[in-house]
Protein backbone atom coordinates (compact mmCIF):
# COMPACT_ATOMS: atom_id res chain seq x y z
CA MET A 1 10.69 111.65 -41.08
CA SER A 2 8.72 108.81 -39.64
CA LYS A 3 8.58 108.01 -35.98
CA VAL A 4 9.78 104.65 -34.62
CA SER A 5 6.86 102.98 -32.89
CA SER A 6 7.53 101.50 -29.49
CA PRO A 7 6.11 98.07 -28.54
CA PRO A 8 2.81 98.19 -26.83
CA GLU A 9 2.95 98.20 -23.12
CA GLU A 10 1.84 94.93 -21.47
CA THR A 11 -1.11 95.36 -19.29
CA PRO A 12 -1.76 93.36 -16.08
CA ASP A 13 -4.38 91.40 -17.97
CA SER A 14 -1.82 90.19 -20.53
CA PHE A 15 0.52 89.06 -17.74
CA GLU A 16 -2.32 87.11 -16.19
CA ASP A 17 -3.17 85.50 -19.54
CA ARG A 18 0.41 84.36 -20.07
CA GLY A 19 0.69 83.05 -16.52
CA PHE A 20 -2.58 81.16 -16.90
CA ALA A 21 -1.40 79.63 -20.18
CA LEU A 22 1.88 78.58 -18.56
CA VAL A 23 -0.01 76.94 -15.70
CA ILE A 24 -2.18 75.09 -18.21
CA VAL A 25 0.89 73.89 -20.10
CA LEU A 26 2.61 72.73 -16.92
CA PHE A 27 -0.57 70.97 -15.79
CA MET A 28 -0.87 69.17 -19.13
CA VAL A 29 2.80 68.15 -19.02
CA SER A 30 2.36 66.82 -15.47
CA LEU A 31 -0.81 64.99 -16.46
CA ILE A 32 0.83 63.40 -19.48
CA THR A 33 3.84 62.44 -17.34
CA LEU A 34 1.56 60.80 -14.76
CA LEU A 35 -0.33 58.95 -17.47
CA VAL A 36 2.91 57.72 -19.02
CA LEU A 37 4.24 56.59 -15.62
CA ARG A 38 0.96 54.84 -14.87
CA PHE A 39 1.03 53.13 -18.25
CA VAL A 40 4.62 52.00 -17.69
CA THR A 41 3.77 50.73 -14.19
CA GLN A 42 0.71 48.85 -15.43
CA SER A 43 2.72 47.40 -18.31
CA ARG A 44 5.37 46.17 -15.89
CA GLU A 45 2.69 44.66 -13.63
CA THR A 46 1.08 42.97 -16.62
CA LEU A 47 4.42 41.59 -17.75
CA ARG A 48 5.14 40.40 -14.23
CA GLU A 49 1.74 38.69 -14.01
CA ALA A 50 2.35 37.09 -17.39
CA GLU A 51 5.77 35.88 -16.22
CA VAL A 52 4.30 34.41 -13.01
CA PHE A 53 1.55 32.69 -14.99
CA ARG A 54 4.10 31.33 -17.44
CA ASN A 55 6.31 30.04 -14.60
CA GLN A 56 3.34 28.46 -12.82
CA THR A 57 2.24 26.71 -15.99
CA GLN A 58 5.73 25.45 -16.79
CA ALA A 59 6.29 24.30 -13.19
CA TYR A 60 2.98 22.44 -13.23
CA TYR A 61 3.85 20.59 -16.42
CA LEU A 62 7.30 19.74 -15.04
CA ALA A 63 5.67 18.19 -11.97
CA ARG A 64 3.17 16.40 -14.17
CA ALA A 65 6.01 15.11 -16.35
CA SER A 66 7.68 13.76 -13.22
CA ILE A 67 4.52 11.84 -12.35
CA GLU A 68 4.32 10.35 -15.85
CA ALA A 69 8.02 9.46 -15.76
CA GLY A 70 7.42 7.80 -12.40
CA LYS A 71 4.70 5.63 -13.91
CA VAL A 72 7.05 4.47 -16.65
CA LEU A 73 9.82 3.83 -14.12
CA LEU A 74 7.54 1.78 -11.88
CA VAL A 75 6.31 -0.41 -14.72
CA SER A 76 9.76 -0.93 -16.23
CA SER A 77 11.31 -1.59 -12.83
CA THR A 78 8.61 -4.11 -11.94
CA LEU A 79 8.92 -5.94 -15.26
CA ALA A 80 12.72 -5.98 -15.08
CA ALA A 81 12.58 -7.43 -11.55
CA GLN A 82 10.17 -10.15 -12.64
CA GLN A 83 12.24 -11.04 -15.69
CA SER A 84 15.35 -11.42 -13.54
CA GLY A 85 13.52 -13.63 -11.08
CA GLN A 86 13.17 -10.96 -8.39
CA ASN A 87 9.59 -11.62 -7.32
CA TYR A 88 9.75 -9.04 -4.58
CA THR A 89 9.67 -5.25 -4.15
CA ALA A 90 12.66 -3.64 -2.49
CA LEU A 91 14.43 -0.32 -2.02
CA THR A 92 17.38 -1.63 -4.05
CA GLN A 93 15.30 -1.46 -7.26
CA PRO A 94 15.41 1.55 -9.65
CA TRP A 95 11.97 2.93 -8.71
CA ALA A 96 13.23 3.74 -5.19
CA THR A 97 15.91 6.20 -6.37
CA PRO A 98 14.69 9.81 -6.07
CA ILE A 99 15.27 12.53 -8.66
CA ILE A 100 16.58 15.71 -7.00
CA ASN A 101 16.57 19.07 -8.85
CA TYR A 102 17.08 17.62 -12.30
CA PRO A 103 17.61 20.55 -14.73
CA VAL A 104 15.18 20.87 -17.62
CA GLY A 105 15.90 23.47 -20.30
CA HIS A 106 17.41 26.74 -19.08
CA HIS A 107 15.29 27.66 -16.07
CA GLY A 108 13.40 24.57 -14.91
CA PHE A 109 14.07 21.82 -12.40
CA LEU A 110 12.09 18.73 -11.51
CA SER A 111 12.23 16.56 -8.41
CA GLY A 112 10.39 13.33 -7.81
CA ARG A 113 10.11 10.49 -5.34
CA ILE A 114 8.26 7.18 -5.30
CA VAL A 115 7.12 5.73 -1.98
CA ASP A 116 5.84 2.23 -1.39
CA GLU A 117 2.49 2.61 0.38
CA SER A 118 2.86 -0.95 1.68
CA SER A 119 5.77 0.25 3.78
CA LYS A 120 3.21 1.81 6.15
CA LEU A 121 0.28 0.80 8.35
CA ASP A 122 -3.10 1.21 6.66
CA ILE A 123 -5.35 3.41 8.81
CA ASN A 124 -8.49 2.01 7.19
CA LEU A 125 -7.84 -1.40 8.75
CA LEU A 126 -8.96 0.09 12.07
CA GLY A 127 -12.50 0.08 10.71
CA GLN A 128 -12.57 -3.66 9.94
CA ASN A 129 -12.94 -5.03 13.48
CA GLN A 130 -16.30 -6.76 13.28
CA PHE A 131 -16.20 -8.41 16.72
CA GLY A 132 -15.51 -5.54 19.12
CA GLY A 133 -12.77 -5.57 21.72
CA THR A 134 -9.15 -4.67 21.03
CA SER A 135 -7.99 -6.01 17.70
CA GLN A 136 -4.44 -6.84 16.69
CA THR A 137 -4.57 -3.88 14.30
CA GLN A 138 -5.49 -1.53 17.14
CA ILE A 139 -2.59 -2.83 19.23
CA GLN A 140 -0.23 -2.17 16.31
CA PHE A 141 -1.47 1.40 15.99
CA GLU A 142 -1.17 1.97 19.72
CA ARG A 143 2.48 0.91 19.50
CA LEU A 144 3.04 3.13 16.46
CA PHE A 145 1.47 6.16 18.16
CA SER A 146 3.65 5.63 21.22
CA LEU A 147 6.82 5.21 19.15
CA VAL A 148 6.31 8.49 17.24
CA GLY A 149 5.11 10.50 20.25
CA ALA A 150 1.43 10.74 19.25
CA ASN A 151 -1.44 10.24 21.68
CA PRO A 152 -2.86 6.66 21.51
CA GLY A 153 -6.06 8.12 22.98
CA LEU A 154 -6.87 9.36 19.47
CA ILE A 155 -7.31 5.82 18.15
CA PRO A 156 -10.96 5.34 19.30
CA ALA A 157 -11.91 8.55 17.46
CA ILE A 158 -10.12 7.31 14.33
CA ILE A 159 -11.89 3.94 14.63
CA GLN A 160 -15.21 5.77 14.79
CA TRP A 161 -14.24 7.82 11.75
CA VAL A 162 -13.28 4.89 9.48
CA THR A 163 -15.80 2.29 10.69
CA PRO A 164 -18.87 1.96 8.43
CA LEU A 165 -21.97 3.40 10.09
CA PRO A 166 -25.07 1.23 10.50
CA THR A 167 -27.80 1.96 7.99
CA GLY A 168 -29.84 4.95 9.10
CA SER A 169 -27.31 6.04 11.73
CA ALA A 170 -26.63 9.77 11.95
CA GLY A 171 -23.18 9.35 13.47
CA GLY A 172 -22.26 12.58 15.17
CA GLY A 173 -20.70 12.26 18.62
CA PRO A 174 -18.37 15.21 19.34
CA TYR A 175 -18.76 16.45 15.79
CA GLN A 176 -22.31 17.70 16.40
CA SER A 177 -20.92 20.48 18.60
CA MET A 178 -18.45 21.66 15.96
CA ILE A 179 -19.06 24.92 14.10
CA PRO A 180 -20.37 24.08 11.61
CA PRO A 181 -21.42 20.59 12.82
CA TYR A 182 -20.50 17.57 10.71
CA ARG A 183 -20.55 13.80 10.92
CA PRO A 184 -17.68 11.29 10.78
CA ARG A 185 -16.81 9.67 7.49
CA GLY A 186 -18.39 6.38 8.54
CA GLY A 187 -16.19 4.36 6.19
CA PRO A 188 -12.68 4.11 4.70
CA ILE A 189 -10.94 7.38 3.96
CA GLY A 190 -9.46 8.08 0.55
CA ALA A 191 -6.94 10.78 1.51
CA LEU A 192 -4.78 10.68 4.61
CA SER A 193 -5.24 14.43 5.13
CA GLU A 194 -8.85 13.70 6.13
CA LEU A 195 -7.49 12.73 9.56
CA HIS A 196 -7.29 16.47 10.29
CA GLN A 197 -11.06 16.33 10.80
CA VAL A 198 -10.89 13.63 13.48
CA ALA A 199 -11.70 14.97 16.95
CA GLY A 200 -8.51 15.69 18.90
CA MET A 201 -6.10 15.40 15.97
CA THR A 202 -3.56 18.22 16.00
CA GLU A 203 -1.19 19.25 13.24
CA ALA A 204 1.84 18.18 15.29
CA GLN A 205 0.44 14.69 15.82
CA TYR A 206 -0.57 14.38 12.18
CA GLN A 207 2.93 15.35 11.04
CA ALA A 208 4.45 12.78 13.43
CA LEU A 209 2.19 10.01 12.08
CA GLU A 210 2.04 10.88 8.38
CA PRO A 211 5.32 9.17 7.28
CA TYR A 212 4.21 5.85 8.78
CA ILE A 213 0.52 5.53 7.88
CA THR A 214 -1.44 5.25 4.66
CA ALA A 215 -4.99 4.95 3.41
CA SER A 216 -4.14 2.99 0.28
CA SER A 217 -1.91 -0.03 0.89
CA GLY A 218 -4.57 -2.70 1.12
CA GLY A 219 -3.28 -4.13 4.39
CA GLN A 220 -0.02 -6.07 4.40
CA VAL A 221 3.30 -4.41 5.27
CA ASN A 222 6.26 -4.99 2.95
CA VAL A 223 9.24 -5.93 5.12
CA ASN A 224 11.61 -4.94 2.30
CA THR A 225 10.53 -1.29 2.39
CA ALA A 226 9.08 -0.62 5.86
CA SER A 227 10.89 1.60 8.35
CA ALA A 228 12.17 0.33 11.69
CA ILE A 229 9.29 2.10 13.47
CA VAL A 230 6.65 0.39 11.33
CA LEU A 231 8.34 -2.99 11.79
CA GLU A 232 8.43 -2.54 15.58
CA SER A 233 4.73 -1.70 15.54
CA LEU A 234 3.76 -5.06 14.09
CA ASP A 235 4.14 -7.05 17.31
CA PRO A 236 5.04 -6.35 20.96
CA GLY A 237 7.70 -9.06 20.71
CA LEU A 238 9.45 -7.37 17.80
CA SER A 239 12.26 -5.38 19.43
CA PRO A 240 14.24 -2.45 17.94
CA ALA A 241 17.21 -4.81 17.55
CA MET A 242 15.06 -7.27 15.56
CA ALA A 243 13.73 -4.45 13.38
CA ASN A 244 17.28 -3.33 12.58
CA GLN A 245 18.27 -6.92 11.89
CA ILE A 246 15.39 -7.20 9.40
CA ILE A 247 16.58 -4.03 7.66
CA GLN A 248 20.18 -5.24 7.52
CA GLY A 249 19.09 -8.51 5.90
CA ARG A 250 17.12 -6.98 3.03
CA PRO A 251 16.01 -7.75 0.41
CA TYR A 252 14.00 -10.85 1.27
CA THR A 253 12.82 -12.99 -1.60
CA SER A 254 10.26 -14.78 0.59
CA LEU A 255 8.79 -14.55 4.06
CA ALA A 256 10.37 -17.84 5.10
CA ALA A 257 13.74 -16.13 5.40
CA LEU A 258 12.38 -13.99 8.24
CA SER A 259 11.57 -16.89 10.52
CA SER A 260 15.16 -17.22 11.74
CA VAL A 261 15.35 -13.46 12.42
CA LEU A 262 12.07 -13.13 14.31
CA GLY A 263 11.78 -16.47 16.01
CA PRO A 264 8.81 -18.84 15.67
CA ALA A 265 6.45 -17.02 18.08
CA VAL A 266 6.75 -13.50 16.59
CA PHE A 267 6.86 -14.83 13.04
CA SER A 268 3.65 -16.80 13.64
CA ASN A 269 1.92 -13.70 15.02
CA ILE A 270 2.68 -11.46 12.03
CA GLN A 271 3.04 -13.89 9.14
CA GLY A 272 -0.36 -12.97 7.72
CA LEU A 273 0.34 -9.25 8.11
CA ILE A 274 3.55 -8.99 6.09
CA THR A 275 4.66 -9.45 2.48
CA VAL A 276 7.69 -9.01 0.23
CA GLN A 277 5.75 -7.57 -2.72
CA SER A 278 3.94 -4.27 -3.30
CA SER A 279 1.50 -2.94 -5.86
CA VAL A 280 0.45 0.50 -4.56
CA PHE A 281 2.83 3.46 -4.65
CA SER A 282 2.66 7.22 -4.13
CA LEU A 283 4.41 9.42 -6.70
CA GLN A 284 5.42 12.81 -5.32
CA ALA A 285 6.77 15.52 -7.59
CA VAL A 286 7.81 19.19 -7.54
CA GLY A 287 8.36 21.33 -10.63
CA THR A 288 10.41 24.52 -10.22
CA VAL A 289 10.75 27.43 -12.63
CA GLY A 290 12.46 30.54 -11.25
CA ASN A 291 10.94 31.17 -7.83
CA THR A 292 7.72 29.32 -8.68
CA ARG A 293 7.04 25.76 -7.57
CA GLN A 294 4.16 23.38 -8.21
CA ALA A 295 3.54 20.06 -6.45
CA ILE A 296 1.59 16.94 -7.41
CA ARG A 297 0.99 13.71 -5.49
CA ALA A 298 -0.57 10.66 -7.13
CA ILE A 299 -1.41 7.25 -5.69
CA LEU A 300 -0.88 4.54 -8.28
CA SER A 301 -1.72 0.84 -8.45
CA VAL A 302 0.62 -1.24 -10.62
CA ASN A 303 -0.23 -4.65 -12.05
CA GLY A 304 2.28 -5.74 -14.66
CA MET A 305 2.10 -3.16 -17.44
CA GLN A 306 -1.25 -1.88 -16.24
CA THR A 307 -1.46 1.17 -13.96
CA GLN A 308 -4.46 2.73 -12.26
CA VAL A 309 -4.49 6.18 -10.65
CA LEU A 310 -6.24 5.89 -7.28
CA SER A 311 -5.92 9.55 -6.37
CA TYR A 312 -4.39 12.70 -7.86
CA ARG A 313 -3.80 15.86 -5.89
CA MET A 314 -2.31 19.14 -7.10
CA GLY A 315 -0.94 22.25 -5.48
CA GLY A 316 -1.36 23.51 -1.95
CA THR A 317 1.23 24.88 0.46
CA ARG A 318 0.87 21.86 2.75
CA LEU A 319 1.42 19.37 -0.07
CA LEU A 320 4.39 21.33 -1.40
CA GLY A 321 5.96 21.48 2.03
CA GLN A 322 5.44 17.77 2.66
CA ILE A 323 6.98 16.74 -0.65
CA GLU A 324 9.96 19.08 -0.31
CA THR A 325 10.56 17.79 3.23
CA LEU A 326 10.63 14.23 1.91
CA LEU A 327 13.05 15.17 -0.84
CA LYS A 328 15.32 16.96 1.66
CA GLN A 329 15.29 13.84 3.83
CA ASP A 330 16.42 11.80 0.84
CA THR A 331 19.24 14.28 0.19
CA SER A 332 20.39 14.45 3.81
CA SER A 333 20.36 10.68 4.16
CA GLY A 334 22.77 10.39 1.26
CA ALA A 335 20.28 8.65 -1.01
CA PRO A 336 21.68 8.50 -4.56
CA SER A 337 19.87 10.18 -7.38
CA SER A 338 19.50 8.51 -10.73
CA LEU A 339 19.41 11.93 -12.39
CA THR A 340 21.81 14.42 -10.87
CA SER A 341 23.32 16.35 -13.75
CA GLY A 342 22.84 17.26 -17.37
CA SER A 343 19.75 18.76 -18.96
CA VAL A 344 16.77 17.86 -21.00
CA PRO A 345 16.22 19.91 -24.14
């Protein structure tokens, strides 16, 4: 009769081996879990980065499309005005109607605005006083600065900045003590934002002035598009009531119609400084996809069917904020939009 063998007794060493193996297994499971979680996290981050890049790219091309559409609108509007005998530029024409949050596809929106640069005072004219003394242009800017709450004491520094330097001159002045030191432009500026470098210019003063000044108009102010503040700046005899009367009587087909509004003395003083036609415009656009926005501003010269880009600026928080502020102003003022509903495939 055979004996039934009993299982071998487990020794302390065998318990330790099993415990060690269990620890190894748990460690491997934890390691694999961590690796999987890390992979998932990295994959999500990669997908998020890809989505942001996609939205940025789409928003950029929406803004760029707005600029191109603005070019077409300017040319067609100008030609249509000429063909109908409207040899003037006015805010009643199609180019002046902003586009606010026009839907494109399923997730995109575009906004755009065209501004007549001749509706503003050209800052570069301050550098054209060849005879010294206080020029008529300087007096106009002093009035403008006072009207918007900026310090007229900044004007001499701006004159120094935009006035061509004599050959061999090092310029300098207060700019030599800056860190790092630099010299004034010594000639016309191409971008209005360059005024930030002028000694004494603060952000608050720049923001107060920016809607009323330009670096691209070429000189004359269009009375059909200028604001009341710009109109008042043209001559000390031009009162707020006269500026409002000018605005109420728009559009003007010729300057002669202004004589009865301004009176002979004021009209004689500013006749060479004003016009009813414009050829330089700024096109300001924002493309939006999801929570991503891209901004573009272009300065464009229009001559018949010919257009020339004078400057082209992309991106930047400051630019985006400026353009969106302008578009909000158009919305709050009740300005109509030529494109307010529907979608583009």
